[in-house]
């Protein structure tokens, strides 16, 4: 869900470069001399790393690092998905008349009261998340606010760098030991607010008030907005991700190769599938190779519950995750999104004492709950056309703006 930046940059000062490019307008107009290679506007690899991380690219790679002595380098960086602006705004949008204005919670408290308490807390959490992202060199969106720091590998060594980043971002002076008492982003934010809230609130308050004043001046002259109407679109909708398991094929690519080759993937049933005490009318079938490979803890499911689940439910969880990755999404980035989920499923005849494990009605809800999706989650059963109808309903949901993914 984040963008990639690919650079091909010179990283060494040369006489030829200075003579060739030094005559161009702007070559010597840089104002951040401390970042540059002395006597040149170029940046060293270390400077590029530092600048990109500060600007929201926590993952920086050098695919051709072994060729660094050649004076040029390929730099690949992944954005954390956040757009940075000159004036940082931590305000939710509300409406005054037909003009858009920030929502303000005016309190008539004492000297220590804050007019934007929720936004102030979000500001602190955002600073901690960015600091943790820079320290671990992972995208900020992959960090859970309530996940213990230890789960991300934070120890006494990494913790020192992390706390230093937090102190610089928020302007506080915490000791490294604090993160072992307040062990998640949420808990650390609570500590910062309780300990440094009064000091931090003054600067945040002034920044928020200035933003409100600017927004008010713009809104006064803004034309009246037309009432919102339900929107529909006829734009094309594309399927951009696929995943699946098939007899004789672990994924979609292998399945396609089997189709091209005309391969018969029906095989004799494994011995443990057969009932040796009864006459069996069937000995052959289409069998998935890794049908018993499922990681329940990855999906926050207990091993005991996983044993009672319809195997189809387990497959849907696995392959849906892979399909999102195939589409270029980090599935965790969809948390909170208005994303619709339609699944075509027919009864499989699988019976177990667990209702949630055997009922087809819960398949979509189970996946939607795990991914924390906020759109419709519906199971479709129209016989052989179930999958086609599910795709149709998903497209209609997108066209009518009921969902955005």
Protein backbone atom coordinates (compact mmCIF):
# COMPACT_ATOMS: atom_id res chain seq x y z
CA UNK A 1 0.00 0.00 0.00
CA UNK A 2 3.08 2.29 0.06
CA UNK A 3 5.04 3.88 -2.79
CA UNK A 4 8.53 3.02 -3.98
CA UNK A 5 11.22 5.55 -4.88
CA UNK A 6 14.08 4.45 -7.15
CA UNK A 7 17.06 6.79 -7.57
CA UNK A 8 20.18 6.58 -9.71
CA UNK A 9 22.48 9.13 -8.08
CA UNK A 10 26.10 10.19 -8.14
CA UNK A 11 27.66 9.80 -4.71
CA UNK A 12 31.25 10.94 -5.30
CA UNK A 13 32.63 14.37 -6.15
CA UNK A 14 34.59 14.42 -9.44
CA UNK A 15 36.31 17.15 -11.44
CA UNK A 16 34.43 16.04 -14.57
CA UNK A 17 31.10 16.32 -12.77
CA UNK A 18 31.89 19.79 -11.44
CA UNK A 19 32.97 21.03 -14.87
CA UNK A 20 29.99 19.45 -16.65
CA UNK A 21 27.15 20.19 -14.26
CA UNK A 22 28.66 23.07 -12.31
CA UNK A 23 27.65 25.50 -15.07
CA UNK A 24 23.97 24.60 -14.75
CA UNK A 25 21.52 26.84 -12.93
CA UNK A 26 20.84 25.60 -9.44
CA UNK A 27 23.86 23.31 -9.11
CA UNK A 28 25.33 25.37 -6.27
CA UNK A 29 22.11 26.74 -4.76
CA UNK A 30 21.72 24.20 -1.97
CA UNK A 31 21.28 25.63 1.52
CA UNK A 32 21.85 22.49 3.60
CA UNK A 33 25.62 22.32 3.27
CA UNK A 34 26.00 20.03 6.28
CA UNK A 35 24.22 17.24 4.37
CA UNK A 36 26.36 17.50 1.24
CA UNK A 37 29.71 16.08 0.25
CA UNK A 38 32.15 19.01 0.85
CA UNK A 39 32.51 21.13 -2.30
CA UNK A 40 29.61 19.39 -4.03
CA UNK A 41 25.80 19.25 -3.96
CA UNK A 42 25.92 15.44 -3.91
CA UNK A 43 24.96 13.31 -0.93
CA UNK A 44 26.84 10.31 0.39
CA UNK A 45 24.96 6.99 0.85
CA UNK A 46 24.77 7.61 4.60
CA UNK A 47 23.28 11.08 4.04
CA UNK A 48 20.73 9.67 1.59
CA UNK A 49 19.75 7.07 4.19
CA UNK A 50 19.30 9.72 6.88
CA UNK A 51 17.36 12.15 4.68
CA UNK A 52 15.02 9.49 3.27
CA UNK A 53 14.26 8.10 6.73
CA UNK A 54 13.48 11.59 8.03
CA UNK A 55 11.15 12.22 5.08
CA UNK A 56 9.07 9.09 5.65
CA UNK A 57 11.01 6.36 3.81
CA UNK A 58 11.89 3.99 6.66
CA UNK A 59 13.07 1.19 4.35
CA UNK A 60 16.15 2.16 2.28
CA UNK A 61 18.10 -0.38 0.20
CA UNK A 62 21.24 -0.24 -1.97
CA UNK A 63 20.98 -3.15 -4.47
CA UNK A 64 24.41 -2.36 -5.95
CA UNK A 65 26.28 -1.59 -2.73
CA UNK A 66 29.26 -3.66 -3.89
CA UNK A 67 29.77 -1.16 -6.75
CA UNK A 68 29.85 1.90 -4.50
CA UNK A 69 33.45 2.74 -5.52
CA UNK A 70 32.27 3.46 -9.08
CA UNK A 71 30.82 6.78 -7.92
CA UNK A 72 27.17 6.06 -8.64
CA UNK A 73 24.54 4.16 -6.71
CA UNK A 74 21.02 2.79 -7.14
CA UNK A 75 18.85 3.65 -4.14
CA UNK A 76 15.47 1.99 -3.50
CA UNK A 77 13.25 3.38 -0.73
CA UNK A 78 9.74 2.48 0.45
CA UNK A 79 7.44 5.22 1.74
CA UNK A 80 5.48 4.84 4.96
CA UNK A 81 2.42 6.11 3.06
CA UNK A 82 2.13 9.46 4.83
CA UNK A 83 2.12 12.78 2.95
CA UNK A 84 4.16 15.43 4.72
CA UNK A 85 3.11 19.09 4.59
CA UNK A 86 4.91 22.28 5.53
CA UNK A 87 2.31 23.10 8.18
CA UNK A 88 1.53 19.95 10.15
CA UNK A 89 -2.16 19.73 10.88
CA UNK A 90 -3.56 17.48 13.58
CA UNK A 91 -7.22 18.42 13.18
CA UNK A 92 -10.34 16.46 12.34
CA UNK A 93 -12.64 18.03 9.82
CA UNK A 94 -16.14 19.16 10.69
CA UNK A 95 -18.61 21.52 9.03
CA UNK A 96 -19.64 25.12 9.72
CA UNK A 97 -22.53 25.94 7.41
CA UNK A 98 -21.39 24.54 4.09
CA UNK A 99 -17.72 25.28 4.68
CA UNK A 100 -15.24 22.73 5.96
CA UNK A 101 -13.64 23.71 9.27
CA UNK A 102 -11.66 21.82 11.93
CA UNK A 103 -13.68 20.52 14.85
CA UNK A 104 -12.64 22.03 18.18
CA UNK A 105 -13.55 20.81 21.64
CA UNK A 106 -13.58 24.06 23.64
CA UNK A 107 -13.15 23.38 27.35
CA UNK A 108 -13.61 25.92 30.09
CA UNK A 109 -11.21 24.20 32.45
CA UNK A 110 -8.24 25.40 34.42
CA UNK A 111 -4.88 26.54 33.23
CA UNK A 112 -3.86 23.03 32.24
CA UNK A 113 -6.92 22.21 30.09
CA UNK A 114 -6.37 21.34 26.41
CA UNK A 115 -8.84 22.39 23.74
CA UNK A 116 -7.94 19.45 21.47
CA UNK A 117 -7.33 16.48 23.83
CA UNK A 118 -8.04 13.70 21.34
CA UNK A 119 -5.95 15.29 18.61
CA UNK A 120 -3.18 16.04 21.07
CA UNK A 121 -3.04 12.36 22.00
CA UNK A 122 -2.97 11.40 18.30
CA UNK A 123 -0.08 13.81 17.84
CA UNK A 124 1.90 12.07 20.60
CA UNK A 125 1.08 8.58 19.28
CA UNK A 126 2.12 9.63 15.77
CA UNK A 127 5.48 10.84 17.08
CA UNK A 128 6.09 7.54 18.87
CA UNK A 129 5.07 5.50 15.81
CA UNK A 130 7.43 7.45 13.55
CA UNK A 131 10.27 7.03 16.04
CA UNK A 132 9.68 3.27 16.25
CA UNK A 133 9.43 3.04 12.46
CA UNK A 134 12.78 4.80 12.01
CA UNK A 135 14.46 2.73 14.72
CA UNK A 136 13.30 -0.61 13.32
CA UNK A 137 13.38 0.43 9.65
CA UNK A 138 9.87 -0.91 9.07
CA UNK A 139 6.78 0.85 7.64
CA UNK A 140 4.80 2.73 10.26
CA UNK A 141 1.55 1.09 9.09
CA UNK A 142 2.87 -2.33 10.12
CA UNK A 143 3.09 -1.29 13.80
CA UNK A 144 0.17 -2.06 16.11
CA UNK A 145 -0.43 0.49 18.87
CA UNK A 146 -1.18 -2.16 21.49
CA UNK A 147 1.54 -4.63 20.48
CA UNK A 148 4.38 -4.98 23.03
CA UNK A 149 7.68 -3.42 21.94
CA UNK A 150 9.37 -6.76 22.64
CA UNK A 151 7.35 -8.36 19.84
CA UNK A 152 9.16 -6.03 17.42
CA UNK A 153 12.57 -6.98 18.78
CA UNK A 154 13.09 -3.90 20.95
CA UNK A 155 15.76 -4.69 23.56
CA UNK A 156 18.12 -2.58 25.65
CA UNK A 157 20.26 -1.76 22.61
CA UNK A 158 17.52 -0.93 20.10
CA UNK A 159 15.56 0.69 22.92
CA UNK A 160 18.25 3.33 23.39
CA UNK A 161 17.99 4.45 19.75
CA UNK A 162 14.19 4.29 19.88
CA UNK A 163 13.88 6.47 23.00
CA UNK A 164 16.36 8.94 21.51
CA UNK A 165 14.13 9.22 18.42
CA UNK A 166 11.04 9.76 20.61
CA UNK A 167 12.81 12.43 22.66
CA UNK A 168 13.84 14.30 19.50
CA UNK A 169 10.42 13.97 17.86
CA UNK A 170 8.40 15.14 20.87
CA UNK A 171 10.93 17.34 22.64
CA UNK A 172 10.97 15.32 25.87
CA UNK A 173 13.73 13.74 27.96
CA UNK A 174 12.79 10.15 28.73
CA UNK A 175 15.11 7.49 30.08
CA UNK A 176 15.46 4.27 28.09
CA UNK A 177 14.19 2.20 31.03
CA UNK A 178 10.74 3.80 30.62
CA UNK A 179 9.87 1.61 27.62
CA UNK A 180 10.22 -1.52 29.77
CA UNK A 181 7.57 -0.19 32.16
CA UNK A 182 5.31 1.23 29.45
CA UNK A 183 5.58 -1.53 26.89
CA UNK A 184 3.50 -0.46 23.88
CA UNK A 185 2.79 2.63 21.81
CA UNK A 186 -0.49 3.24 23.64
CA UNK A 187 1.04 2.84 27.10
CA UNK A 188 4.06 4.97 26.27
CA UNK A 189 1.75 7.69 24.92
CA UNK A 190 -0.19 7.61 28.20
CA UNK A 191 3.07 8.05 30.11
CA UNK A 192 4.22 10.94 27.90
CA UNK A 193 0.88 12.72 28.27
CA UNK A 194 0.85 12.24 32.05
CA UNK A 195 4.47 13.32 32.52
CA UNK A 196 5.09 15.92 29.81
CA UNK A 197 1.55 16.85 28.72
CA UNK A 198 1.61 20.35 30.22
CA UNK A 199 4.94 21.20 28.53
CA UNK A 200 3.94 19.79 25.15
CA UNK A 201 0.41 21.17 25.04
CA UNK A 202 1.39 24.84 24.72
CA UNK A 203 3.17 24.40 21.38
CA UNK A 204 0.52 22.05 20.05
CA UNK A 205 -2.29 24.39 21.16
CA UNK A 206 -0.78 27.37 19.35
CA UNK A 207 -0.20 25.30 16.21
CA UNK A 208 -3.79 24.03 16.20
CA UNK A 209 -5.25 27.50 16.84
CA UNK A 210 -3.20 29.01 13.99
CA UNK A 211 -4.49 26.29 11.66
CA UNK A 212 -8.08 26.95 12.70
CA UNK A 213 -7.65 30.66 12.01
CA UNK A 214 -6.25 29.98 8.53
CA UNK A 215 -9.02 27.50 7.75
CA UNK A 216 -11.66 29.98 8.94
CA UNK A 217 -10.42 32.73 6.63
CA UNK A 218 -10.52 30.32 3.69
CA UNK A 219 -13.95 28.93 4.59
CA UNK A 220 -15.65 32.35 4.81
CA UNK A 221 -15.13 32.91 1.09
CA UNK A 222 -15.74 29.32 0.07
CA UNK A 223 -18.74 28.73 -2.22
CA UNK A 224 -21.65 26.76 -0.81
CA UNK A 225 -21.17 23.09 -1.36
CA UNK A 226 -23.95 21.16 -3.05
CA UNK A 227 -25.67 18.51 -0.92
CA UNK A 228 -23.96 15.18 -1.20
CA UNK A 229 -25.67 12.77 -3.56
CA UNK A 230 -25.24 9.01 -3.70
CA UNK A 231 -22.59 8.40 -6.29
CA UNK A 232 -22.28 5.69 -8.85
CA UNK A 233 -19.55 5.14 -11.38
CA UNK A 234 -19.30 3.24 -14.63
CA UNK A 235 -15.50 3.14 -14.51
CA UNK A 236 -13.83 -0.16 -15.29
CA UNK A 237 -13.06 -2.44 -12.36
CA UNK A 238 -10.09 -4.79 -12.53
CA UNK A 239 -9.16 -7.96 -10.67
CA UNK A 240 -5.56 -7.29 -9.63
CA UNK A 241 -4.77 -10.19 -7.30
CA UNK A 242 -5.33 -13.95 -7.35
CA UNK A 243 -4.40 -16.93 -5.24
CA UNK A 244 -5.52 -20.51 -4.98
CA UNK A 245 -4.62 -24.14 -4.34
CA UNK A 246 -5.64 -26.90 -6.73
CA UNK A 247 -5.08 -30.63 -7.13
CA UNK A 248 -1.54 -30.99 -8.43
CA UNK A 249 -0.87 -27.25 -8.21
CA UNK A 250 0.13 -25.24 -5.13
CA UNK A 251 -0.65 -21.89 -6.72
CA UNK A 252 -2.29 -20.18 -9.69
CA UNK A 253 0.85 -20.26 -11.85
CA UNK A 254 1.26 -24.02 -11.43
CA UNK A 255 -2.44 -24.50 -12.15
CA UNK A 256 -2.07 -22.56 -15.40
CA UNK A 257 0.90 -24.68 -16.45
CA UNK A 258 -1.16 -27.82 -15.81
CA UNK A 259 -3.95 -26.44 -18.01
CA UNK A 260 -1.49 -25.58 -20.79
CA UNK A 261 0.05 -29.05 -20.60
CA UNK A 262 -3.34 -30.78 -20.38
CA UNK A 263 -2.19 -32.57 -17.25
CA UNK A 264 -4.60 -34.92 -15.48
CA UNK A 265 -4.31 -34.08 -11.77
CA UNK A 266 -6.70 -36.75 -10.50
CA UNK A 267 -4.74 -39.21 -8.36
CA UNK A 268 -5.35 -42.25 -6.17
CA UNK A 269 -6.58 -41.32 -2.72
CA UNK A 270 -4.06 -41.54 0.15
CA UNK A 271 -4.39 -44.63 2.33
CA UNK A 272 -5.73 -42.73 5.34
CA UNK A 273 -8.64 -41.47 3.18
CA UNK A 274 -9.96 -44.99 2.67
CA UNK A 275 -12.35 -46.95 4.84
CA UNK A 276 -10.78 -50.39 4.99
CA UNK A 277 -13.73 -51.89 6.84
CA UNK A 278 -16.28 -51.14 4.15
CA UNK A 279 -16.66 -51.45 0.45
CA UNK A 280 -15.51 -48.23 -1.09
CA UNK A 281 -16.93 -47.10 -4.41
CA UNK A 282 -14.25 -44.49 -5.01
CA UNK A 283 -10.46 -44.63 -4.97
CA UNK A 284 -9.51 -41.56 -6.96
CA UNK A 285 -9.88 -37.84 -6.44
CA UNK A 286 -8.36 -34.39 -6.65
CA UNK A 287 -6.20 -33.92 -3.54
CA UNK A 288 -4.42 -30.77 -2.35
CA UNK A 289 -0.78 -31.35 -1.47
CA UNK A 290 -0.56 -29.12 1.63
CA UNK A 291 -4.14 -29.54 2.79
CA UNK A 292 -3.01 -30.07 6.40
CA UNK A 293 -0.62 -27.08 6.53
CA UNK A 294 -2.30 -24.25 8.42
CA UNK A 295 -0.83 -21.81 10.92
CA UNK A 296 -3.74 -21.03 13.27
CA UNK A 297 -1.78 -18.67 15.53
CA UNK A 298 -1.02 -16.41 12.56
CA UNK A 299 -4.77 -15.84 12.24
CA UNK A 300 -5.28 -15.53 16.02
CA UNK A 301 -7.02 -18.91 16.13
CA UNK A 302 -6.25 -21.45 18.83
CA UNK A 303 -5.00 -24.87 17.66
CA UNK A 304 -8.02 -26.47 19.35
CA UNK A 305 -10.43 -24.27 17.40
CA UNK A 306 -8.51 -24.88 14.17
CA UNK A 307 -9.07 -28.63 14.53
CA UNK A 308 -12.84 -28.05 14.47
CA UNK A 309 -12.78 -25.75 11.44
CA UNK A 310 -14.01 -26.80 8.03
CA UNK A 311 -10.83 -27.19 5.90
CA UNK A 312 -12.44 -24.83 3.37
CA UNK A 313 -12.49 -22.07 5.98
CA UNK A 314 -8.79 -22.54 6.62
CA UNK A 315 -8.05 -22.39 2.90
CA UNK A 316 -10.09 -19.21 2.46
CA UNK A 317 -8.13 -17.48 5.23
CA UNK A 318 -4.79 -18.52 3.72
CA UNK A 319 -5.56 -17.80 0.09
CA UNK A 320 -7.36 -14.49 0.76
CA UNK A 321 -4.25 -13.23 2.54
CA UNK A 322 -2.07 -14.37 -0.38
CA UNK A 323 -4.44 -12.78 -2.93
CA UNK A 324 -4.13 -9.40 -1.20
CA UNK A 325 -0.34 -9.71 -1.21
CA UNK A 326 -0.47 -10.71 -4.90
CA UNK A 327 -2.40 -7.47 -5.53
CA UNK A 328 0.38 -5.46 -3.89
CA UNK A 329 -1.42 -4.83 -0.60
CA UNK A 330 -0.14 -5.40 2.89
CA UNK A 331 -3.33 -6.96 4.32
CA UNK A 332 -2.75 -5.22 7.66
CA UNK A 333 -2.95 -1.85 5.88
CA UNK A 334 -6.62 -2.50 5.13
CA UNK A 335 -7.57 -2.42 8.82
CA UNK A 336 -10.40 0.07 9.28
CA UNK A 337 -10.97 0.43 5.52
CA UNK A 338 -14.44 0.40 3.96
CA UNK A 339 -13.52 -2.81 2.13
CA UNK A 340 -16.22 -5.22 0.96
CA UNK A 341 -15.85 -8.98 1.17
CA UNK A 342 -18.03 -11.34 -0.90
CA UNK A 343 -17.29 -15.06 -0.86
CA UNK A 344 -18.95 -17.66 -3.07
CA UNK A 345 -19.37 -20.88 -1.08
CA UNK A 346 -21.55 -23.96 -1.25
CA UNK A 347 -22.26 -26.35 1.64
CA UNK A 348 -19.51 -28.97 1.79
CA UNK A 349 -21.17 -31.55 4.02
CA UNK A 350 -18.57 -30.98 6.72
CA UNK A 351 -20.17 -31.45 10.14
CA UNK A 352 -18.66 -30.75 13.52
CA UNK A 353 -19.96 -29.88 16.96
CA UNK A 354 -18.54 -26.37 16.52
CA UNK A 355 -21.04 -24.11 14.70
CA UNK A 356 -18.43 -21.50 13.74
CA UNK A 357 -16.13 -24.23 12.48
CA UNK A 358 -18.63 -25.96 10.20
CA UNK A 359 -21.10 -23.23 9.16
CA UNK A 360 -20.52 -21.66 5.76
CA UNK A 361 -22.36 -18.54 6.94
CA UNK A 362 -19.41 -17.45 9.08
CA UNK A 363 -16.67 -17.66 6.44
CA UNK A 364 -16.78 -14.03 5.30
CA UNK A 365 -17.34 -12.69 8.81
CA UNK A 366 -14.35 -14.59 10.18
CA UNK A 367 -12.03 -13.14 7.54
CA UNK A 368 -13.50 -9.64 7.81
CA UNK A 369 -13.09 -9.70 11.59
CA UNK A 370 -9.46 -10.83 11.34
CA UNK A 371 -8.57 -8.08 8.84
CA UNK A 372 -10.72 -5.50 10.70
CA UNK A 373 -12.62 -4.54 7.53
CA UNK A 374 -15.54 -2.12 7.86
CA UNK A 375 -17.44 -2.93 4.66
CA UNK A 376 -20.07 -5.62 3.96
CA UNK A 377 -19.04 -9.26 4.51
CA UNK A 378 -21.42 -11.64 2.74
CA UNK A 379 -21.39 -15.32 1.77
CA UNK A 380 -23.08 -16.09 -1.57
CA UNK A 381 -24.59 -19.48 -2.45
CA UNK A 382 -26.15 -19.67 -5.90
CA UNK A 383 -24.84 -23.08 -6.85
CA UNK A 384 -22.21 -23.24 -9.57
CA UNK A 385 -22.47 -19.50 -10.16
CA UNK A 386 -21.60 -18.55 -6.55
CA UNK A 387 -18.16 -17.13 -7.31
CA UNK A 388 -19.39 -15.21 -10.36
CA UNK A 389 -22.26 -13.69 -8.40
CA UNK A 390 -19.88 -12.78 -5.57
CA UNK A 391 -17.68 -10.88 -8.03
CA UNK A 392 -20.73 -9.13 -9.49
CA UNK A 393 -21.95 -8.03 -6.05
CA UNK A 394 -18.49 -6.77 -5.12
CA UNK A 395 -18.36 -4.67 -8.31
CA UNK A 396 -21.80 -3.23 -7.56
CA UNK A 397 -20.67 -2.33 -4.06
CA UNK A 398 -17.73 -0.41 -5.54
CA UNK A 399 -19.88 1.32 -8.17
CA UNK A 400 -22.36 2.53 -5.55
CA UNK A 401 -19.57 3.71 -3.23
CA UNK A 402 -20.66 1.32 -0.49
CA UNK A 403 -17.01 0.36 -0.26
CA UNK A 404 -13.70 1.53 -1.71
CA UNK A 405 -11.85 -1.80 -2.04
